[in-house]
C-alpha atoms as a PDB file:
ATOM      1  CA  MET A   1      -1.421 -41.040  58.188  1.00  0.00           C
ATOM      2  CA  SER A   2       0.386 -39.947  61.035  1.00  0.00           C
ATOM      3  CA  ALA A   3       4.273 -40.178  61.050  1.00  0.00           C
ATOM      4  CA  THR A   4       7.206 -38.671  62.932  1.00  0.00           C
ATOM      5  CA  ILE A   5      10.195 -36.955  60.246  1.00  0.00           C
ATOM      6  CA  THR A   6      14.060 -36.788  61.512  1.00  0.00           C
ATOM      7  CA  LEU A   7      15.027 -33.784  59.764  1.00  0.00           C
ATOM      8  CA  HIS A   8      19.012 -33.830  59.079  1.00  0.00           C
ATOM      9  CA  PRO A   9      20.864 -30.655  60.435  1.00  0.00           C
ATOM     10  CA  TYR A  10      21.954 -29.654  57.075  1.00  0.00           C
ATOM     11  CA  ILE A  11      18.205 -28.973  55.995  1.00  0.00           C
ATOM     12  CA  THR A  12      17.155 -27.025  59.032  1.00  0.00           C
ATOM     13  CA  GLY A  13      20.325 -26.122  61.124  1.00  0.00           C
ATOM     14  CA  ALA A  14      19.743 -28.433  63.699  1.00  0.00           C
ATOM     15  CA  GLU A  15      18.173 -31.973  63.974  1.00  0.00           C
ATOM     16  CA  ILE A  16      14.299 -31.734  63.754  1.00  0.00           C
ATOM     17  CA  GLN A  17      11.615 -34.193  64.551  1.00  0.00           C
ATOM     18  CA  LEU A  18       8.078 -33.449  63.357  1.00  0.00           C
ATOM     19  CA  GLU A  19       4.458 -34.935  63.027  1.00  0.00           C
ATOM     20  CA  VAL A  20       3.711 -34.854  59.493  1.00  0.00           C
ATOM     21  CA  ASN A  21       0.920 -36.454  57.976  1.00  0.00           C
ATOM     22  CA  GLY A  22       0.734 -38.351  54.636  1.00  0.00           C
ATOM     23  CA  SER A  23       0.098 -42.236  53.213  1.00  0.00           C
ATOM     24  CA  THR A  24       3.919 -42.203  51.352  1.00  0.00           C
ATOM     25  CA  VAL A  25       6.813 -40.687  52.124  1.00  0.00           C
ATOM     26  CA  GLY A  26       6.680 -37.700  49.100  1.00  0.00           C
ATOM     27  CA  ASP A  27       3.490 -36.926  51.064  1.00  0.00           C
ATOM     28  CA  CYS A  28       4.846 -36.372  54.312  1.00  0.00           C
ATOM     29  CA  ILE A  29       7.807 -34.466  52.882  1.00  0.00           C
ATOM     30  CA  ALA A  30       5.294 -32.103  51.391  1.00  0.00           C
ATOM     31  CA  ASP A  31       4.009 -31.552  54.617  1.00  0.00           C
ATOM     32  CA  ALA A  32       7.282 -30.955  56.254  1.00  0.00           C
ATOM     33  CA  ILE A  33       8.035 -28.426  53.665  1.00  0.00           C
ATOM     34  CA  LYS A  34       5.149 -26.476  54.667  1.00  0.00           C
ATOM     35  CA  THR A  35       6.899 -25.898  58.165  1.00  0.00           C
ATOM     36  CA  TYR A  36      10.521 -25.439  56.583  1.00  0.00           C
ATOM     37  CA  PRO A  37      10.264 -24.326  52.785  1.00  0.00           C
ATOM     38  CA  ALA A  38      13.812 -23.908  52.124  1.00  0.00           C
ATOM     39  CA  MET A  39      14.437 -27.360  52.672  1.00  0.00           C
ATOM     40  CA  GLU A  40      12.843 -28.152  49.301  1.00  0.00           C
ATOM     41  CA  GLY A  41      16.078 -26.735  47.254  1.00  0.00           C
ATOM     42  CA  LYS A  42      18.346 -28.616  49.591  1.00  0.00           C
ATOM     43  CA  ILE A  43      16.603 -32.209  48.880  1.00  0.00           C
ATOM     44  CA  PHE A  44      15.272 -31.912  45.474  1.00  0.00           C
ATOM     45  CA  ALA A  45      17.568 -31.649  42.262  1.00  0.00           C
ATOM     46  CA  LYS A  46      14.089 -31.127  40.339  1.00  0.00           C
ATOM     47  CA  PRO A  47      10.488 -31.504  41.152  1.00  0.00           C
ATOM     48  CA  GLY A  48      10.143 -35.314  42.186  1.00  0.00           C
ATOM     49  CA  LYS A  49      13.743 -36.148  41.991  1.00  0.00           C
ATOM     50  CA  LEU A  50      15.968 -36.159  45.214  1.00  0.00           C
ATOM     51  CA  LYS A  51      19.463 -34.966  45.095  1.00  0.00           C
ATOM     52  CA  GLY A  52      21.731 -37.996  45.393  1.00  0.00           C
ATOM     53  CA  TYR A  53      23.403 -37.150  48.498  1.00  0.00           C
ATOM     54  CA  VAL A  54      19.827 -37.633  50.124  1.00  0.00           C
ATOM     55  CA  GLU A  55      18.683 -40.985  51.481  1.00  0.00           C
ATOM     56  CA  ILE A  56      15.303 -41.908  53.194  1.00  0.00           C
ATOM     57  CA  TYR A  57      14.569 -44.614  55.688  1.00  0.00           C
ATOM     58  CA  VAL A  58      11.089 -45.692  57.333  1.00  0.00           C
ATOM     59  CA  ASN A  59      11.719 -47.375  60.472  1.00  0.00           C
ATOM     60  CA  GLY A  60      15.101 -47.934  59.494  1.00  0.00           C
ATOM     61  CA  ASN A  61      14.491 -49.624  56.308  1.00  0.00           C
ATOM     62  CA  PRO A  62      15.820 -47.956  52.970  1.00  0.00           C
ATOM     63  CA  THR A  63      13.114 -46.703  50.989  1.00  0.00           C
ATOM     64  CA  VAL A  64      14.210 -47.485  47.664  1.00  0.00           C
ATOM     65  CA  PRO A  65      13.525 -48.030  44.920  1.00  0.00           C
ATOM     66  CA  LYS A  66      10.234 -46.464  45.725  1.00  0.00           C
ATOM     67  CA  GLU A  67      11.389 -43.658  47.707  1.00  0.00           C
ATOM     68  CA  LEU A  68       8.834 -40.923  47.275  1.00  0.00           C
ATOM     69  CA  ASP A  69       6.276 -43.466  46.500  1.00  0.00           C
ATOM     70  CA  TYR A  70       7.208 -45.357  49.281  1.00  0.00           C
ATOM     71  CA  PRO A  71       4.386 -46.310  51.812  1.00  0.00           C
ATOM     72  CA  VAL A  72       3.885 -44.512  55.699  1.00  0.00           C
ATOM     73  CA  ASN A  73       1.619 -46.133  58.295  1.00  0.00           C
ATOM     74  CA  ASP A  74       0.386 -44.198  61.334  1.00  0.00           C
ATOM     75  CA  GLY A  75       3.207 -44.388  63.587  1.00  0.00           C
ATOM     76  CA  ASP A  76       6.323 -44.446  61.132  1.00  0.00           C
ATOM     77  CA  HIS A  77       9.258 -42.947  61.405  1.00  0.00           C
ATOM     78  CA  ILE A  78      10.907 -41.496  58.435  1.00  0.00           C
ATOM     79  CA  ASN A  79      14.538 -40.725  59.010  1.00  0.00           C
ATOM     80  CA  LEU A  80      15.591 -38.296  56.157  1.00  0.00           C
ATOM     81  CA  LEU A  81      19.495 -38.367  55.713  1.00  0.00           C
ATOM     82  CA  VAL A  82      22.172 -36.156  54.127  1.00  0.00           C
ATOM     83  CA  TYR A  83      25.309 -37.957  53.354  1.00  0.00           C
ATOM     84  CA  LEU A  84      28.018 -34.935  52.762  1.00  0.00           C
ATOM     85  CA  ALA A  85      31.616 -35.367  52.518  1.00  0.00           C
ATOM     86  CA  GLY A  86      34.242 -32.683  53.868  1.00  0.00           C
ATOM     87  CA  GLY A  87      37.764 -32.325  54.438  1.00  0.00           C
END
């Protein structure tokens, strides 16, 4: 399946949109990591486990509790958001 993923500036230095392939959010993120390998360390606490400040939406819908196993269809839009606090 082909989808579009939007990556938060924290991950890539600027907001980026990529065409990715996969049948789940996890597959699509793995495809994006091929282009931006450094993002893996920024979004995963350990393999298969997202860091607490990362949230993923597909077509505006939260993917919790399935997260990485959430299904993706052709034409879907994935938003990978990073919630950061500062002072």
